Each structure stands twice: as C-alpha cells, then as structure tokens.
Amino acid sequence: MWPNAVANALSRFEWAFRQPGRYLNASEAVSPGIEVEDARDDLEWAMRLLPPGAKRDLGRLITRIDEEFEHRTLPEPNNIEWAMEGWWWTRLRER
C-alpha cells in the first residue's frame, strides 16, 4: 500500500455518498482506478495487511460503507463474473 491509501479510499466514498439522488451516478464511473469500486478494492487490500485492532476499526467503517453502497446501487446479474474481484463489482449504478 502507499501512504494515505486508506484515507484516500474513504474520501472517495465520502464524496460519492454526498452526491444527490437515490443511486450513485453512472456518469462518475468513467475513470478506471478512481471509481468507488476501486476504492473498495483498496480497503479490502488494507484489511489483509492491518494488525487486529486496526482491522476491527476499519472493518466497522467498511460495514457502513458496504451498507450504503448496496443501498445506492442495484444488482447486476450480467456482471457475476466480477464477483471474484469483490461483490461490489456486481452492482449497477443509475443509468
């Protein structure tokens, strides 16, 4: 991981969740590497590297992020092959 990777990933979710509307805007998903799904990948990677106490703390934040992300997206059954990368890649934003 690189310096501030977790803070950067968390800030991407904070920005995305502040946007108006029930669903996340699909037009924001145009830049590979800076999408919230990529940020979720970064958080997952950090969870593997953190010591137990920090892992629990970050895990609580991730649980809330995952709940909000699931609430603001829809299931996308055609992307099931992406499930191995993380369930968050199988979700659909507003079109």
N, C-alpha and C. Protein backbone atom coordinates (compact mmCIF):
# COMPACT_ATOMS: atom_id res chain seq x y z
N MET A 1 0.85 -1.18 0.00
CA MET A 1 0.00 0.00 0.00
C MET A 1 0.89 1.24 0.00
N TRP A 2 0.34 2.34 -0.33
CA TRP A 2 1.06 3.60 -0.39
C TRP A 2 0.56 4.51 0.72
N PRO A 3 1.30 5.56 1.02
CA PRO A 3 0.86 6.49 2.09
C PRO A 3 -0.53 7.05 1.80
N ASN A 4 -1.33 7.10 2.80
CA ASN A 4 -2.69 7.67 2.74
C ASN A 4 -3.66 6.88 1.85
N ALA A 5 -3.35 5.64 1.53
CA ALA A 5 -4.23 4.85 0.66
C ALA A 5 -5.60 4.66 1.28
N VAL A 6 -5.66 4.35 2.55
CA VAL A 6 -6.95 4.13 3.22
C VAL A 6 -7.72 5.44 3.31
N ALA A 7 -7.05 6.52 3.69
CA ALA A 7 -7.72 7.82 3.78
C ALA A 7 -8.25 8.25 2.42
N ASN A 8 -7.49 8.00 1.38
CA ASN A 8 -7.92 8.35 0.03
C ASN A 8 -9.16 7.54 -0.36
N ALA A 9 -9.13 6.24 -0.08
CA ALA A 9 -10.28 5.40 -0.42
C ALA A 9 -11.53 5.84 0.35
N LEU A 10 -11.36 6.13 1.62
CA LEU A 10 -12.50 6.59 2.42
C LEU A 10 -13.05 7.91 1.90
N SER A 11 -12.17 8.80 1.47
CA SER A 11 -12.62 10.10 0.96
C SER A 11 -13.37 9.95 -0.36
N ARG A 12 -13.02 8.96 -1.17
CA ARG A 12 -13.76 8.73 -2.41
C ARG A 12 -15.19 8.30 -2.11
N PHE A 13 -15.36 7.45 -1.09
CA PHE A 13 -16.72 7.06 -0.70
C PHE A 13 -17.46 8.24 -0.10
N GLU A 14 -16.80 9.02 0.73
CA GLU A 14 -17.45 10.19 1.32
C GLU A 14 -17.96 11.12 0.23
N TRP A 15 -17.14 11.36 -0.78
CA TRP A 15 -17.55 12.23 -1.89
C TRP A 15 -18.73 11.62 -2.64
N ALA A 16 -18.65 10.33 -2.96
CA ALA A 16 -19.71 9.68 -3.73
C ALA A 16 -21.04 9.68 -2.98
N PHE A 17 -20.99 9.44 -1.68
CA PHE A 17 -22.21 9.37 -0.90
C PHE A 17 -22.82 10.74 -0.64
N ARG A 18 -22.06 11.80 -0.81
CA ARG A 18 -22.60 13.16 -0.66
C ARG A 18 -23.37 13.61 -1.89
N GLN A 19 -23.21 12.90 -3.00
CA GLN A 19 -23.88 13.30 -4.24
C GLN A 19 -25.38 13.10 -4.09
N PRO A 20 -26.18 13.98 -4.71
CA PRO A 20 -27.64 13.87 -4.58
C PRO A 20 -28.18 12.66 -5.34
N GLY A 21 -29.36 12.26 -4.96
CA GLY A 21 -30.04 11.17 -5.65
C GLY A 21 -29.98 9.87 -4.88
N ARG A 22 -30.89 9.02 -5.21
CA ARG A 22 -31.00 7.72 -4.54
C ARG A 22 -29.87 6.79 -4.94
N TYR A 23 -29.48 6.82 -6.23
CA TYR A 23 -28.46 5.92 -6.75
C TYR A 23 -27.18 6.67 -7.08
N LEU A 24 -26.08 5.95 -7.05
CA LEU A 24 -24.82 6.54 -7.46
C LEU A 24 -24.88 6.84 -8.95
N ASN A 25 -24.28 7.91 -9.35
CA ASN A 25 -24.33 8.38 -10.73
C ASN A 25 -23.40 7.53 -11.59
N ALA A 26 -23.94 6.92 -12.63
CA ALA A 26 -23.14 6.08 -13.52
C ALA A 26 -22.15 6.91 -14.32
N SER A 27 -22.44 8.18 -14.56
CA SER A 27 -21.52 9.00 -15.35
C SER A 27 -20.23 9.26 -14.60
N GLU A 28 -20.21 9.04 -13.28
CA GLU A 28 -18.98 9.21 -12.50
C GLU A 28 -18.04 8.02 -12.67
N ALA A 29 -18.52 6.95 -13.27
CA ALA A 29 -17.72 5.73 -13.41
C ALA A 29 -17.02 5.70 -14.76
N VAL A 30 -16.18 6.68 -14.98
CA VAL A 30 -15.51 6.76 -16.29
C VAL A 30 -14.00 6.71 -16.19
N SER A 31 -13.46 6.73 -15.03
CA SER A 31 -12.01 6.78 -14.86
C SER A 31 -11.50 5.57 -14.09
N PRO A 32 -11.02 4.57 -14.80
CA PRO A 32 -10.51 3.39 -14.09
C PRO A 32 -9.44 3.78 -13.06
N GLY A 33 -9.54 3.17 -11.91
CA GLY A 33 -8.59 3.44 -10.85
C GLY A 33 -9.06 4.46 -9.84
N ILE A 34 -10.08 5.26 -10.18
CA ILE A 34 -10.57 6.25 -9.22
C ILE A 34 -12.05 6.07 -8.90
N GLU A 35 -12.65 5.00 -9.37
CA GLU A 35 -14.04 4.72 -9.06
C GLU A 35 -14.15 4.23 -7.62
N VAL A 36 -15.34 4.32 -7.05
CA VAL A 36 -15.50 3.85 -5.67
C VAL A 36 -15.29 2.34 -5.56
N GLU A 37 -15.55 1.61 -6.63
CA GLU A 37 -15.27 0.18 -6.59
C GLU A 37 -13.77 -0.08 -6.43
N ASP A 38 -12.96 0.75 -7.07
CA ASP A 38 -11.51 0.64 -6.89
C ASP A 38 -11.12 1.01 -5.46
N ALA A 39 -11.80 2.01 -4.91
CA ALA A 39 -11.54 2.40 -3.52
C ALA A 39 -11.89 1.24 -2.59
N ARG A 40 -12.97 0.53 -2.90
CA ARG A 40 -13.36 -0.62 -2.06
C ARG A 40 -12.32 -1.73 -2.17
N ASP A 41 -11.75 -1.90 -3.36
CA ASP A 41 -10.65 -2.85 -3.52
C ASP A 41 -9.48 -2.47 -2.61
N ASP A 42 -9.16 -1.19 -2.57
CA ASP A 42 -8.06 -0.70 -1.72
C ASP A 42 -8.33 -1.00 -0.25
N LEU A 43 -9.57 -0.79 0.17
CA LEU A 43 -9.92 -1.07 1.57
C LEU A 43 -9.81 -2.55 1.87
N GLU A 44 -10.20 -3.38 0.93
CA GLU A 44 -10.10 -4.83 1.12
C GLU A 44 -8.62 -5.24 1.25
N TRP A 45 -7.78 -4.65 0.42
CA TRP A 45 -6.36 -4.94 0.49
C TRP A 45 -5.78 -4.49 1.83
N ALA A 46 -6.18 -3.33 2.29
CA ALA A 46 -5.69 -2.83 3.58
C ALA A 46 -6.11 -3.76 4.72
N MET A 47 -7.31 -4.31 4.64
CA MET A 47 -7.77 -5.21 5.69
C MET A 47 -6.86 -6.43 5.83
N ARG A 48 -6.28 -6.85 4.73
CA ARG A 48 -5.37 -8.01 4.77
C ARG A 48 -4.04 -7.68 5.45
N LEU A 49 -3.69 -6.41 5.46
CA LEU A 49 -2.37 -6.00 5.94
C LEU A 49 -2.36 -5.44 7.36
N LEU A 50 -3.52 -5.05 7.85
CA LEU A 50 -3.58 -4.37 9.15
C LEU A 50 -3.48 -5.34 10.32
N PRO A 51 -2.95 -4.84 11.44
CA PRO A 51 -2.97 -5.65 12.66
C PRO A 51 -4.42 -5.75 13.18
N PRO A 52 -4.68 -6.70 14.08
CA PRO A 52 -6.06 -6.98 14.51
C PRO A 52 -6.88 -5.78 14.99
N GLY A 53 -6.34 -4.92 15.82
CA GLY A 53 -7.11 -3.78 16.33
C GLY A 53 -7.51 -2.82 15.23
N ALA A 54 -6.57 -2.46 14.39
CA ALA A 54 -6.86 -1.55 13.28
C ALA A 54 -7.81 -2.21 12.28
N LYS A 55 -7.67 -3.52 12.10
CA LYS A 55 -8.55 -4.25 11.20
C LYS A 55 -10.00 -4.19 11.69
N ARG A 56 -10.21 -4.33 13.00
CA ARG A 56 -11.56 -4.23 13.55
C ARG A 56 -12.14 -2.83 13.34
N ASP A 57 -11.32 -1.80 13.59
CA ASP A 57 -11.79 -0.43 13.42
C ASP A 57 -12.16 -0.15 11.96
N LEU A 58 -11.28 -0.52 11.05
CA LEU A 58 -11.58 -0.29 9.64
C LEU A 58 -12.76 -1.15 9.21
N GLY A 59 -12.86 -2.35 9.74
CA GLY A 59 -13.97 -3.23 9.40
C GLY A 59 -15.32 -2.61 9.74
N ARG A 60 -15.39 -1.90 10.86
CA ARG A 60 -16.65 -1.22 11.22
C ARG A 60 -17.00 -0.14 10.19
N LEU A 61 -16.01 0.60 9.73
CA LEU A 61 -16.26 1.61 8.70
C LEU A 61 -16.68 0.95 7.39
N ILE A 62 -16.01 -0.12 7.03
CA ILE A 62 -16.33 -0.81 5.78
C ILE A 62 -17.74 -1.37 5.82
N THR A 63 -18.17 -1.87 6.96
CA THR A 63 -19.54 -2.38 7.08
C THR A 63 -20.54 -1.28 6.75
N ARG A 64 -20.34 -0.09 7.29
CA ARG A 64 -21.25 1.03 7.00
C ARG A 64 -21.16 1.45 5.53
N ILE A 65 -19.96 1.46 4.98
CA ILE A 65 -19.78 1.80 3.56
C ILE A 65 -20.50 0.79 2.69
N ASP A 66 -20.31 -0.50 2.98
CA ASP A 66 -20.95 -1.54 2.19
C ASP A 66 -22.48 -1.44 2.23
N GLU A 67 -23.02 -1.14 3.40
CA GLU A 67 -24.47 -0.99 3.52
C GLU A 67 -24.98 0.16 2.67
N GLU A 68 -24.29 1.28 2.73
CA GLU A 68 -24.70 2.45 1.92
C GLU A 68 -24.51 2.18 0.43
N PHE A 69 -23.40 1.54 0.07
CA PHE A 69 -23.14 1.23 -1.33
C PHE A 69 -24.21 0.30 -1.88
N GLU A 70 -24.57 -0.71 -1.10
CA GLU A 70 -25.61 -1.64 -1.53
C GLU A 70 -26.95 -0.93 -1.66
N HIS A 71 -27.22 0.00 -0.75
CA HIS A 71 -28.47 0.76 -0.79
C HIS A 71 -28.54 1.66 -2.02
N ARG A 72 -27.39 2.17 -2.46
CA ARG A 72 -27.37 3.14 -3.56
C ARG A 72 -27.01 2.55 -4.91
N THR A 73 -27.02 1.22 -5.00
CA THR A 73 -26.79 0.53 -6.27
C THR A 73 -27.82 -0.58 -6.42
N LEU A 74 -27.81 -1.21 -7.58
CA LEU A 74 -28.74 -2.30 -7.87
C LEU A 74 -27.96 -3.55 -8.26
N PRO A 75 -28.52 -4.74 -8.05
CA PRO A 75 -27.84 -5.96 -8.50
C PRO A 75 -27.68 -5.96 -10.02
N GLU A 76 -26.57 -6.44 -10.49
CA GLU A 76 -26.31 -6.55 -11.93
C GLU A 76 -25.95 -8.00 -12.23
N PRO A 77 -26.94 -8.84 -12.55
CA PRO A 77 -26.67 -10.26 -12.75
C PRO A 77 -25.74 -10.56 -13.91
N ASN A 78 -25.61 -9.66 -14.87
CA ASN A 78 -24.73 -9.89 -16.01
C ASN A 78 -23.26 -9.72 -15.66
N ASN A 79 -22.96 -9.16 -14.50
CA ASN A 79 -21.57 -8.97 -14.09
C ASN A 79 -21.13 -9.99 -13.05
N ILE A 80 -21.77 -11.12 -13.01
CA ILE A 80 -21.47 -12.11 -11.97
C ILE A 80 -20.02 -12.59 -12.04
N GLU A 81 -19.42 -12.55 -13.22
CA GLU A 81 -18.02 -12.98 -13.33
C GLU A 81 -17.09 -12.07 -12.54
N TRP A 82 -17.54 -10.87 -12.23
CA TRP A 82 -16.74 -9.93 -11.44
C TRP A 82 -16.80 -10.23 -9.95
N ALA A 83 -17.66 -11.15 -9.54
CA ALA A 83 -17.84 -11.44 -8.11
C ALA A 83 -16.54 -11.89 -7.46
N MET A 84 -15.66 -12.53 -8.21
CA MET A 84 -14.39 -12.96 -7.63
C MET A 84 -13.52 -11.77 -7.25
N GLU A 85 -13.72 -10.65 -7.92
CA GLU A 85 -12.98 -9.43 -7.61
C GLU A 85 -13.55 -8.74 -6.37
N GLY A 86 -14.79 -9.01 -6.07
CA GLY A 86 -15.48 -8.39 -4.93
C GLY A 86 -16.93 -8.17 -5.30
N TRP A 87 -17.82 -8.43 -4.36
CA TRP A 87 -19.25 -8.31 -4.65
C TRP A 87 -19.60 -6.92 -5.14
N TRP A 88 -18.86 -5.90 -4.74
CA TRP A 88 -19.16 -4.51 -5.13
C TRP A 88 -19.03 -4.31 -6.63
N TRP A 89 -18.32 -5.17 -7.32
CA TRP A 89 -18.22 -5.07 -8.78
C TRP A 89 -19.44 -5.65 -9.48
N THR A 90 -20.33 -6.29 -8.74
CA THR A 90 -21.54 -6.88 -9.34
C THR A 90 -22.74 -5.98 -9.15
N ARG A 91 -22.51 -4.73 -8.81
CA ARG A 91 -23.60 -3.79 -8.57
C ARG A 91 -23.69 -2.80 -9.72
N LEU A 92 -24.89 -2.33 -9.99
CA LEU A 92 -25.18 -1.42 -11.09
C LEU A 92 -25.53 -0.04 -10.55
N ARG A 93 -24.95 0.96 -11.16
CA ARG A 93 -25.32 2.34 -10.82
C ARG A 93 -26.47 2.80 -11.69
N GLU A 94 -27.00 3.96 -11.38
CA GLU A 94 -28.06 4.56 -12.18
C GLU A 94 -27.56 4.74 -13.61
N ARG A 95 -28.40 4.50 -14.57
CA ARG A 95 -28.02 4.68 -15.98
C ARG A 95 -28.51 5.98 -16.50
